[in-house]
């Protein structure tokens, strides 16, 4: 994995992340595009590396997946893991 949890995001497309700017501001109007991220194990630019990622056109699917996983985790905790879960697809047929 090139970028992992705990890495610091130093810059987006060459624009340094500096307070009070929120990192999300640097992703505005970048949907479905390649974006260069500057990443480091330390919160400094010295020794940082760059990676190119393609952004999503929508985060809706990720939010839905997170909701499903959160709900599944809550059910497993409440039942001690004794619940069988499955996914159902619902199709709407139109004439």
PDB file of N, CA and C in Angstrom:
ATOM      1  N   UNK A   1       0.854  -1.179   0.000  1.00  0.00           N
ATOM      2  CA  UNK A   1       0.000   0.000   0.000  1.00  0.00           C
ATOM      3  C   UNK A   1       0.895   1.235   0.000  1.00  0.00           C
ATOM      4  N   UNK A   2       0.629   2.145  -0.884  1.00  0.00           N
ATOM      5  CA  UNK A   2       1.449   3.341  -1.027  1.00  0.00           C
ATOM      6  C   UNK A   2       1.129   4.359   0.059  1.00  0.00           C
ATOM      7  N   UNK A   3      -0.143   4.540   0.352  1.00  0.00           N
ATOM      8  CA  UNK A   3      -0.576   5.458   1.405  1.00  0.00           C
ATOM      9  C   UNK A   3      -1.299   4.631   2.446  1.00  0.00           C
ATOM     10  N   UNK A   4      -0.939   4.841   3.708  1.00  0.00           N
ATOM     11  CA  UNK A   4      -1.585   4.049   4.751  1.00  0.00           C
ATOM     12  C   UNK A   4      -2.054   4.939   5.890  1.00  0.00           C
ATOM     13  N   UNK A   5      -2.898   4.381   6.702  1.00  0.00           N
ATOM     14  CA  UNK A   5      -3.409   5.097   7.860  1.00  0.00           C
ATOM     15  C   UNK A   5      -2.240   5.584   8.711  1.00  0.00           C
ATOM     16  N   UNK A   6      -2.302   6.839   9.116  1.00  0.00           N
ATOM     17  CA  UNK A   6      -1.243   7.426   9.929  1.00  0.00           C
ATOM     18  C   UNK A   6      -0.289   8.292   9.138  1.00  0.00           C
ATOM     19  N   UNK A   7      -0.278   8.151   7.788  1.00  0.00           N
ATOM     20  CA  UNK A   7       0.549   9.025   6.964  1.00  0.00           C
ATOM     21  C   UNK A   7       0.002  10.456   7.025  1.00  0.00           C
ATOM     22  N   UNK A   8       0.883  11.419   6.879  1.00  0.00           N
ATOM     23  CA  UNK A   8       0.485  12.824   6.859  1.00  0.00           C
ATOM     24  C   UNK A   8       0.300  13.286   5.422  1.00  0.00           C
ATOM     25  N   UNK A   9      -0.788  14.018   5.174  1.00  0.00           N
ATOM     26  CA  UNK A   9      -1.031  14.638   3.880  1.00  0.00           C
ATOM     27  C   UNK A   9      -0.409  16.022   3.939  1.00  0.00           C
ATOM     28  N   UNK A  10       0.638  16.242   3.156  1.00  0.00           N
ATOM     29  CA  UNK A  10       1.404  17.483   3.191  1.00  0.00           C
ATOM     30  C   UNK A  10       0.894  18.479   2.154  1.00  0.00           C
ATOM     31  N   UNK A  11       0.544  17.977   0.966  1.00  0.00           N
ATOM     32  CA  UNK A  11       0.115  18.869  -0.115  1.00  0.00           C
ATOM     33  C   UNK A  11      -0.792  18.117  -1.080  1.00  0.00           C
ATOM     34  N   UNK A  12      -1.608  18.885  -1.806  1.00  0.00           N
ATOM     35  CA  UNK A  12      -2.482  18.357  -2.852  1.00  0.00           C
ATOM     36  C   UNK A  12      -2.206  19.158  -4.108  1.00  0.00           C
ATOM     37  N   UNK A  13      -1.808  18.473  -5.178  1.00  0.00           N
ATOM     38  CA  UNK A  13      -1.469  19.125  -6.450  1.00  0.00           C
ATOM     39  C   UNK A  13      -0.468  20.266  -6.255  1.00  0.00           C
ATOM     40  N   UNK A  14       0.496  20.055  -5.361  1.00  0.00           N
ATOM     41  CA  UNK A  14       1.543  21.049  -5.134  1.00  0.00           C
ATOM     42  C   UNK A  14       1.168  22.187  -4.205  1.00  0.00           C
ATOM     43  N   UNK A  15      -0.064  22.194  -3.713  1.00  0.00           N
ATOM     44  CA  UNK A  15      -0.514  23.239  -2.786  1.00  0.00           C
ATOM     45  C   UNK A  15      -0.386  22.711  -1.360  1.00  0.00           C
ATOM     46  N   UNK A  16       0.509  23.335  -0.587  1.00  0.00           N
ATOM     47  CA  UNK A  16       0.713  22.907   0.799  1.00  0.00           C
ATOM     48  C   UNK A  16      -0.549  23.078   1.616  1.00  0.00           C
ATOM     49  N   UNK A  17      -0.752  22.162   2.532  1.00  0.00           N
ATOM     50  CA  UNK A  17      -1.884  22.253   3.450  1.00  0.00           C
ATOM     51  C   UNK A  17      -1.423  23.047   4.664  1.00  0.00           C
ATOM     52  N   UNK A  18      -2.061  24.185   4.869  1.00  0.00           N
ATOM     53  CA  UNK A  18      -1.698  25.057   5.983  1.00  0.00           C
ATOM     54  C   UNK A  18      -2.962  25.556   6.653  1.00  0.00           C
ATOM     55  N   UNK A  19      -2.942  25.567   7.989  1.00  0.00           N
ATOM     56  CA  UNK A  19      -4.085  26.091   8.750  1.00  0.00           C
ATOM     57  C   UNK A  19      -4.263  27.565   8.408  1.00  0.00           C
ATOM     58  N   UNK A  20      -5.458  28.051   8.361  1.00  0.00           N
ATOM     59  CA  UNK A  20      -6.710  27.424   8.770  1.00  0.00           C
ATOM     60  C   UNK A  20      -7.440  26.709   7.633  1.00  0.00           C
ATOM     61  N   UNK A  21      -6.808  26.543   6.496  1.00  0.00           N
ATOM     62  CA  UNK A  21      -7.452  25.891   5.357  1.00  0.00           C
ATOM     63  C   UNK A  21      -7.709  24.415   5.650  1.00  0.00           C
ATOM     64  N   UNK A  22      -8.897  23.964   5.332  1.00  0.00           N
ATOM     65  CA  UNK A  22      -9.238  22.548   5.485  1.00  0.00           C
ATOM     66  C   UNK A  22      -8.698  21.781   4.276  1.00  0.00           C
ATOM     67  N   UNK A  23      -8.117  20.604   4.484  1.00  0.00           N
ATOM     68  CA  UNK A  23      -7.605  19.829   3.351  1.00  0.00           C
ATOM     69  C   UNK A  23      -8.655  19.575   2.272  1.00  0.00           C
ATOM     70  N   UNK A  24      -9.910  19.419   2.674  1.00  0.00           N
ATOM     71  CA  UNK A  24     -10.972  19.137   1.705  1.00  0.00           C
ATOM     72  C   UNK A  24     -11.124  20.251   0.672  1.00  0.00           C
ATOM     73  N   UNK A  25     -10.750  21.472   1.038  1.00  0.00           N
ATOM     74  CA  UNK A  25     -10.854  22.598   0.094  1.00  0.00           C
ATOM     75  C   UNK A  25      -9.980  22.386  -1.133  1.00  0.00           C
ATOM     76  N   UNK A  26      -8.885  21.661  -0.976  1.00  0.00           N
ATOM     77  CA  UNK A  26      -7.974  21.434  -2.097  1.00  0.00           C
ATOM     78  C   UNK A  26      -8.486  20.378  -3.071  1.00  0.00           C
ATOM     79  N   UNK A  27      -9.574  19.730  -2.729  1.00  0.00           N
ATOM     80  CA  UNK A  27     -10.158  18.719  -3.609  1.00  0.00           C
ATOM     81  C   UNK A  27     -11.388  19.222  -4.369  1.00  0.00           C
ATOM     82  N   UNK A  28     -11.754  20.485  -4.160  1.00  0.00           N
ATOM     83  CA  UNK A  28     -12.915  21.060  -4.845  1.00  0.00           C
ATOM     84  C   UNK A  28     -12.656  21.055  -6.353  1.00  0.00           C
ATOM     85  N   UNK A  29     -13.650  20.626  -7.115  1.00  0.00           N
ATOM     86  CA  UNK A  29     -13.594  20.558  -8.585  1.00  0.00           C
ATOM     87  C   UNK A  29     -12.523  19.593  -9.098  1.00  0.00           C
ATOM     88  N   UNK A  30     -12.259  18.535  -8.356  1.00  0.00           N
ATOM     89  CA  UNK A  30     -11.297  17.525  -8.825  1.00  0.00           C
ATOM     90  C   UNK A  30     -11.965  16.168  -9.048  1.00  0.00           C
ATOM     91  N   UNK A  31     -13.289  16.138  -9.104  1.00  0.00           N
ATOM     92  CA  UNK A  31     -13.999  14.868  -9.255  1.00  0.00           C
ATOM     93  C   UNK A  31     -13.555  14.127 -10.510  1.00  0.00           C
ATOM     94  N   UNK A  32     -13.271  12.830 -10.328  1.00  0.00           N
ATOM     95  CA  UNK A  32     -12.919  11.931 -11.427  1.00  0.00           C
ATOM     96  C   UNK A  32     -11.652  12.374 -12.164  1.00  0.00           C
ATOM     97  N   UNK A  33     -10.710  12.982 -11.426  1.00  0.00           N
ATOM     98  CA  UNK A  33      -9.453  13.449 -12.011  1.00  0.00           C
ATOM     99  C   UNK A  33      -8.273  12.855 -11.259  1.00  0.00           C
ATOM    100  N   UNK A  34      -7.114  12.850 -11.914  1.00  0.00           N
ATOM    101  CA  UNK A  34      -5.884  12.460 -11.236  1.00  0.00           C
ATOM    102  C   UNK A  34      -5.417  13.619 -10.367  1.00  0.00           C
ATOM    103  N   UNK A  35      -5.047  13.306  -9.124  1.00  0.00           N
ATOM    104  CA  UNK A  35      -4.601  14.304  -8.165  1.00  0.00           C
ATOM    105  C   UNK A  35      -3.277  13.819  -7.585  1.00  0.00           C
ATOM    106  N   UNK A  36      -2.310  14.722  -7.471  1.00  0.00           N
ATOM    107  CA  UNK A  36      -1.021  14.386  -6.884  1.00  0.00           C
ATOM    108  C   UNK A  36      -1.036  14.723  -5.402  1.00  0.00           C
ATOM    109  N   UNK A  37      -0.765  13.713  -4.576  1.00  0.00           N
ATOM    110  CA  UNK A  37      -0.719  13.895  -3.133  1.00  0.00           C
ATOM    111  C   UNK A  37       0.731  13.821  -2.669  1.00  0.00           C
ATOM    112  N   UNK A  38       1.102  14.708  -1.778  1.00  0.00           N
ATOM    113  CA  UNK A  38       2.407  14.651  -1.140  1.00  0.00           C
ATOM    114  C   UNK A  38       2.180  14.068   0.249  1.00  0.00           C
ATOM    115  N   UNK A  39       2.828  12.942   0.526  1.00  0.00           N
ATOM    116  CA  UNK A  39       2.594  12.157   1.729  1.00  0.00           C
ATOM    117  C   UNK A  39       3.916  11.973   2.471  1.00  0.00           C
ATOM    118  N   UNK A  40       3.838  11.918   3.811  1.00  0.00           N
ATOM    119  CA  UNK A  40       5.040  11.671   4.594  1.00  0.00           C
ATOM    120  C   UNK A  40       4.675  10.956   5.887  1.00  0.00           C
ATOM    121  N   UNK A  41       5.646  10.263   6.457  1.00  0.00           N
ATOM    122  CA  UNK A  41       5.451   9.633   7.765  1.00  0.00           C
ATOM    123  C   UNK A  41       5.522  10.663   8.886  1.00  0.00           C
ATOM    124  N   UNK A  42       6.131  11.815   8.594  1.00  0.00           N
ATOM    125  CA  UNK A  42       6.273  12.914   9.555  1.00  0.00           C
ATOM    126  C   UNK A  42       5.487  14.121   9.035  1.00  0.00           C
ATOM    127  N   UNK A  43       5.113  15.059   9.909  1.00  0.00           N
ATOM    128  CA  UNK A  43       4.346  16.226   9.455  1.00  0.00           C
ATOM    129  C   UNK A  43       5.209  17.325   8.828  1.00  0.00           C
ATOM    130  N   UNK A  44       6.185  16.922   8.005  1.00  0.00           N
ATOM    131  CA  UNK A  44       7.062  17.870   7.327  1.00  0.00           C
ATOM    132  C   UNK A  44       7.205  17.474   5.862  1.00  0.00           C
ATOM    133  N   UNK A  45       7.624  18.440   5.045  1.00  0.00           N
ATOM    134  CA  UNK A  45       7.825  18.167   3.622  1.00  0.00           C
ATOM    135  C   UNK A  45       9.135  17.429   3.369  1.00  0.00           C
ATOM    136  N   UNK A  46      10.091  17.558   4.286  1.00  0.00           N
ATOM    137  CA  UNK A  46      11.390  16.891   4.114  1.00  0.00           C
ATOM    138  C   UNK A  46      11.201  15.378   4.109  1.00  0.00           C
ATOM    139  N   UNK A  47      11.630  14.750   3.030  1.00  0.00           N
ATOM    140  CA  UNK A  47      11.530  13.297   2.915  1.00  0.00           C
ATOM    141  C   UNK A  47      10.176  12.800   2.437  1.00  0.00           C
ATOM    142  N   UNK A  48       9.295  13.713   2.048  1.00  0.00           N
ATOM    143  CA  UNK A  48       7.952  13.321   1.588  1.00  0.00           C
ATOM    144  C   UNK A  48       8.028  12.646   0.225  1.00  0.00           C
ATOM    145  N   UNK A  49       6.990  11.898  -0.096  1.00  0.00           N
ATOM    146  CA  UNK A  49       6.880  11.246  -1.402  1.00  0.00           C
ATOM    147  C   UNK A  49       5.572  11.682  -2.053  1.00  0.00           C
ATOM    148  N   UNK A  50       5.491  11.534  -3.357  1.00  0.00           N
ATOM    149  CA  UNK A  50       4.261  11.892  -4.059  1.00  0.00           C
ATOM    150  C   UNK A  50       3.627  10.649  -4.655  1.00  0.00           C
ATOM    151  N   UNK A  51       2.320  10.656  -4.664  1.00  0.00           N
ATOM    152  CA  UNK A  51       1.549   9.594  -5.284  1.00  0.00           C
ATOM    153  C   UNK A  51       0.435  10.240  -6.088  1.00  0.00           C
ATOM    154  N   UNK A  52       0.040   9.585  -7.150  1.00  0.00           N
ATOM    155  CA  UNK A  52      -1.064  10.079  -7.971  1.00  0.00           C
ATOM    156  C   UNK A  52      -2.259   9.154  -7.744  1.00  0.00           C
ATOM    157  N   UNK A  53      -3.386   9.751  -7.419  1.00  0.00           N
ATOM    158  CA  UNK A  53      -4.622   9.001  -7.209  1.00  0.00           C
ATOM    159  C   UNK A  53      -5.714   9.590  -8.093  1.00  0.00           C
ATOM    160  N   UNK A  54      -6.689   8.783  -8.409  1.00  0.00           N
ATOM    161  CA  UNK A  54      -7.842   9.277  -9.167  1.00  0.00           C
ATOM    162  C   UNK A  54      -8.996   9.437  -8.184  1.00  0.00           C
ATOM    163  N   UNK A  55      -9.555  10.631  -8.148  1.00  0.00           N
ATOM    164  CA  UNK A  55     -10.641  10.906  -7.217  1.00  0.00           C
ATOM    165  C   UNK A  55     -11.940  10.288  -7.708  1.00  0.00           C
ATOM    166  N   UNK A  56     -12.867  10.138  -6.792  1.00  0.00           N
ATOM    167  CA  UNK A  56     -14.191   9.618  -7.117  1.00  0.00           C
ATOM    168  C   UNK A  56     -15.052  10.726  -7.694  1.00  0.00           C
ATOM    169  N   UNK A  57     -15.995  10.346  -8.520  1.00  0.00           N
ATOM    170  CA  UNK A  57     -16.930  11.342  -9.033  1.00  0.00           C
ATOM    171  C   UNK A  57     -18.035  11.604  -8.025  1.00  0.00           C
ATOM    172  N   UNK A  58     -18.239  10.651  -7.107  1.00  0.00           N
ATOM    173  CA  UNK A  58     -19.244  10.802  -6.055  1.00  0.00           C
ATOM    174  C   UNK A  58     -18.823   9.950  -4.863  1.00  0.00           C
ATOM    175  N   UNK A  59     -19.073  10.434  -3.677  1.00  0.00           N
ATOM    176  CA  UNK A  59     -18.754   9.665  -2.476  1.00  0.00           C
ATOM    177  C   UNK A  59     -19.981   8.948  -1.926  1.00  0.00           C
ATOM    178  N   UNK A  60     -21.084   8.996  -2.645  1.00  0.00           N
ATOM    179  CA  UNK A  60     -22.325   8.386  -2.171  1.00  0.00           C
ATOM    180  C   UNK A  60     -22.157   6.895  -1.883  1.00  0.00           C
ATOM    181  N   UNK A  61     -21.539   6.163  -2.789  1.00  0.00           N
ATOM    182  CA  UNK A  61     -21.372   4.718  -2.591  1.00  0.00           C
ATOM    183  C   UNK A  61     -20.527   4.426  -1.349  1.00  0.00           C
ATOM    184  N   UNK A  62     -19.495   5.237  -1.097  1.00  0.00           N
ATOM    185  CA  UNK A  62     -18.673   5.043   0.099  1.00  0.00           C
ATOM    186  C   UNK A  62     -19.456   5.329   1.364  1.00  0.00           C
ATOM    187  N   UNK A  63     -20.289   6.366   1.342  1.00  0.00           N
ATOM    188  CA  UNK A  63     -21.104   6.696   2.509  1.00  0.00           C
ATOM    189  C   UNK A  63     -22.117   5.577   2.787  1.00  0.00           C
ATOM    190  N   UNK A  64     -22.701   5.022   1.720  1.00  0.00           N
ATOM    191  CA  UNK A  64     -23.659   3.930   1.895  1.00  0.00           C
ATOM    192  C   UNK A  64     -22.969   2.694   2.450  1.00  0.00           C
ATOM    193  N   UNK A  65     -21.779   2.364   1.941  1.00  0.00           N
ATOM    194  CA  UNK A  65     -21.030   1.221   2.429  1.00  0.00           C
ATOM    195  C   UNK A  65     -20.672   1.406   3.902  1.00  0.00           C
ATOM    196  N   UNK A  66     -20.270   2.608   4.268  1.00  0.00           N
ATOM    197  CA  UNK A  66     -19.947   2.895   5.666  1.00  0.00           C
ATOM    198  C   UNK A  66     -21.172   2.708   6.554  1.00  0.00           C
ATOM    199  N   UNK A  67     -22.335   3.153   6.074  1.00  0.00           N
ATOM    200  CA  UNK A  67     -23.562   3.011   6.841  1.00  0.00           C
ATOM    201  C   UNK A  67     -23.900   1.531   7.044  1.00  0.00           C
ATOM    202  N   UNK A  68     -23.772   0.738   5.999  1.00  0.00           N
ATOM    203  CA  UNK A  68     -24.060  -0.694   6.085  1.00  0.00           C
ATOM    204  C   UNK A  68     -23.103  -1.362   7.069  1.00  0.00           C
ATOM    205  N   UNK A  69     -21.810  -1.050   6.963  1.00  0.00           N
ATOM    206  CA  UNK A  69     -20.820  -1.651   7.854  1.00  0.00           C
ATOM    207  C   UNK A  69     -21.040  -1.225   9.296  1.00  0.00           C
ATOM    208  N   UNK A  70     -21.406   0.031   9.510  1.00  0.00           N
ATOM    209  CA  UNK A  70     -21.684   0.520  10.863  1.00  0.00           C
ATOM    210  C   UNK A  70     -22.884  -0.210  11.442  1.00  0.00           C
ATOM    211  N   UNK A  71     -23.941  -0.345  10.658  1.00  0.00           N
ATOM    212  CA  UNK A  71     -25.145  -1.041  11.126  1.00  0.00           C
ATOM    213  C   UNK A  71     -24.847  -2.508  11.406  1.00  0.00           C
ATOM    214  N   UNK A  72     -24.077  -3.151  10.534  1.00  0.00           N
ATOM    215  CA  UNK A  72     -23.720  -4.563  10.721  1.00  0.00           C
ATOM    216  C   UNK A  72     -22.933  -4.724  12.025  1.00  0.00           C
ATOM    217  N   UNK A  73     -22.008  -3.809  12.277  1.00  0.00           N
ATOM    218  CA  UNK A  73     -21.206  -3.871  13.499  1.00  0.00           C
ATOM    219  C   UNK A  73     -22.092  -3.715  14.738  1.00  0.00           C
ATOM    220  N   UNK A  74     -23.044  -2.796  14.694  1.00  0.00           N
ATOM    221  CA  UNK A  74     -23.958  -2.591  15.825  1.00  0.00           C
ATOM    222  C   UNK A  74     -24.787  -3.841  16.099  1.00  0.00           C
ATOM    223  N   UNK A  75     -25.265  -4.482  15.026  1.00  0.00           N
ATOM    224  CA  UNK A  75     -26.080  -5.694  15.184  1.00  0.00           C
ATOM    225  C   UNK A  75     -25.223  -6.819  15.763  1.00  0.00           C
ATOM    226  N   UNK A  76     -24.006  -6.966  15.260  1.00  0.00           N
ATOM    227  CA  UNK A  76     -23.119  -8.017  15.769  1.00  0.00           C
ATOM    228  C   UNK A  76     -22.800  -7.800  17.243  1.00  0.00           C
ATOM    229  N   UNK A  77     -22.596  -6.549  17.641  1.00  0.00           N
ATOM    230  CA  UNK A  77     -22.325  -6.257  19.052  1.00  0.00           C
ATOM    231  C   UNK A  77     -23.550  -6.571  19.920  1.00  0.00           C
ATOM    232  N   UNK A  78     -24.721  -6.177  19.434  1.00  0.00           N
ATOM    233  CA  UNK A  78     -25.939  -6.361  20.218  1.00  0.00           C
ATOM    234  C   UNK A  78     -26.317  -7.830  20.366  1.00  0.00           C
ATOM    235  N   UNK A  79     -25.946  -8.664  19.387  1.00  0.00           N
ATOM    236  CA  UNK A  79     -26.348 -10.072  19.406  1.00  0.00           C
ATOM    237  C   UNK A  79     -25.195 -11.014  19.728  1.00  0.00           C
ATOM    238  N   UNK A  80     -24.050 -10.462  20.016  1.00  0.00           N
ATOM    239  CA  UNK A  80     -22.892 -11.314  20.286  1.00  0.00           C
ATOM    240  C   UNK A  80     -22.402 -12.044  19.054  1.00  0.00           C
ATOM    241  N   UNK A  81     -22.710 -11.503  17.880  1.00  0.00           N
ATOM    242  CA  UNK A  81     -22.249 -12.102  16.632  1.00  0.00           C
ATOM    243  C   UNK A  81     -23.056 -13.292  16.167  1.00  0.00           C
ATOM    244  N   UNK A  82     -24.243 -13.490  16.713  1.00  0.00           N
ATOM    245  CA  UNK A  82     -25.050 -14.662  16.373  1.00  0.00           C
ATOM    246  C   UNK A  82     -26.060 -14.381  15.268  1.00  0.00           C
ATOM    247  N   UNK A  83     -25.788 -13.419  14.415  1.00  0.00           N
ATOM    248  CA  UNK A  83     -26.724 -13.059  13.357  1.00  0.00           C
ATOM    249  C   UNK A  83     -26.083 -13.346  12.012  1.00  0.00           C
ATOM    250  N   UNK A  84     -26.834 -13.964  11.142  1.00  0.00           N
ATOM    251  CA  UNK A  84     -26.381 -14.198   9.777  1.00  0.00           C
ATOM    252  C   UNK A  84     -26.856 -13.023   8.944  1.00  0.00           C
ATOM    253  N   UNK A  85     -25.937 -12.403   8.236  1.00  0.00           N
ATOM    254  CA  UNK A  85     -26.313 -11.267   7.396  1.00  0.00           C
ATOM    255  C   UNK A  85     -26.164 -11.649   5.937  1.00  0.00           C
ATOM    256  N   UNK A  86     -26.969 -11.056   5.119  1.00  0.00           N
ATOM    257  CA  UNK A  86     -26.861 -11.268   3.684  1.00  0.00           C
ATOM    258  C   UNK A  86     -27.272  -9.992   2.983  1.00  0.00           C
ATOM    259  N   UNK A  87     -26.927  -9.907   1.737  1.00  0.00           N
ATOM    260  CA  UNK A  87     -27.244  -8.739   0.931  1.00  0.00           C
ATOM    261  C   UNK A  87     -28.297  -9.122  -0.092  1.00  0.00           C
ATOM    262  N   UNK A  88     -29.319  -8.311  -0.197  1.00  0.00           N
ATOM    263  CA  UNK A  88     -30.375  -8.543  -1.172  1.00  0.00           C
ATOM    264  C   UNK A  88     -30.350  -7.435  -2.215  1.00  0.00           C
ATOM    265  N   UNK A  89     -30.523  -7.815  -3.454  1.00  0.00           N
ATOM    266  CA  UNK A  89     -30.637  -6.848  -4.524  1.00  0.00           C
ATOM    267  C   UNK A  89     -32.117  -6.676  -4.852  1.00  0.00           C
ATOM    268  N   UNK A  90     -32.515  -5.455  -4.957  1.00  0.00           N
ATOM    269  CA  UNK A  90     -33.912  -5.167  -5.303  1.00  0.00           C
ATOM    270  C   UNK A  90     -33.930  -4.557  -6.686  1.00  0.00           C
ATOM    271  N   UNK A  91     -34.666  -5.206  -7.561  1.00  0.00           N
ATOM    272  CA  UNK A  91     -34.755  -4.735  -8.934  1.00  0.00           C
ATOM    273  C   UNK A  91     -36.131  -4.182  -9.181  1.00  0.00           C
ATOM    274  N   UNK A  92     -36.197  -3.082  -9.871  1.00  0.00           N
ATOM    275  CA  UNK A  92     -37.465  -2.493 -10.247  1.00  0.00           C
ATOM    276  C   UNK A  92     -37.634  -2.726 -11.741  1.00  0.00           C
ATOM    277  N   UNK A  93     -38.672  -3.431 -12.074  1.00  0.00           N
ATOM    278  CA  UNK A  93     -38.937  -3.743 -13.485  1.00  0.00           C
ATOM    279  C   UNK A  93     -39.943  -2.740 -14.017  1.00  0.00           C
ATOM    280  N   UNK A  94     -39.581  -2.133 -15.131  1.00  0.00           N
ATOM    281  CA  UNK A  94     -40.499  -1.180 -15.755  1.00  0.00           C
ATOM    282  C   UNK A  94     -40.879  -1.691 -17.141  1.00  0.00           C
ATOM    283  N   UNK A  95     -42.062  -1.360 -17.528  1.00  0.00           N
ATOM    284  CA  UNK A  95     -42.561  -1.824 -18.818  1.00  0.00           C
ATOM    285  C   UNK A  95     -41.984  -1.000 -19.959  1.00  0.00           C
TER     286      UNK A  95
END
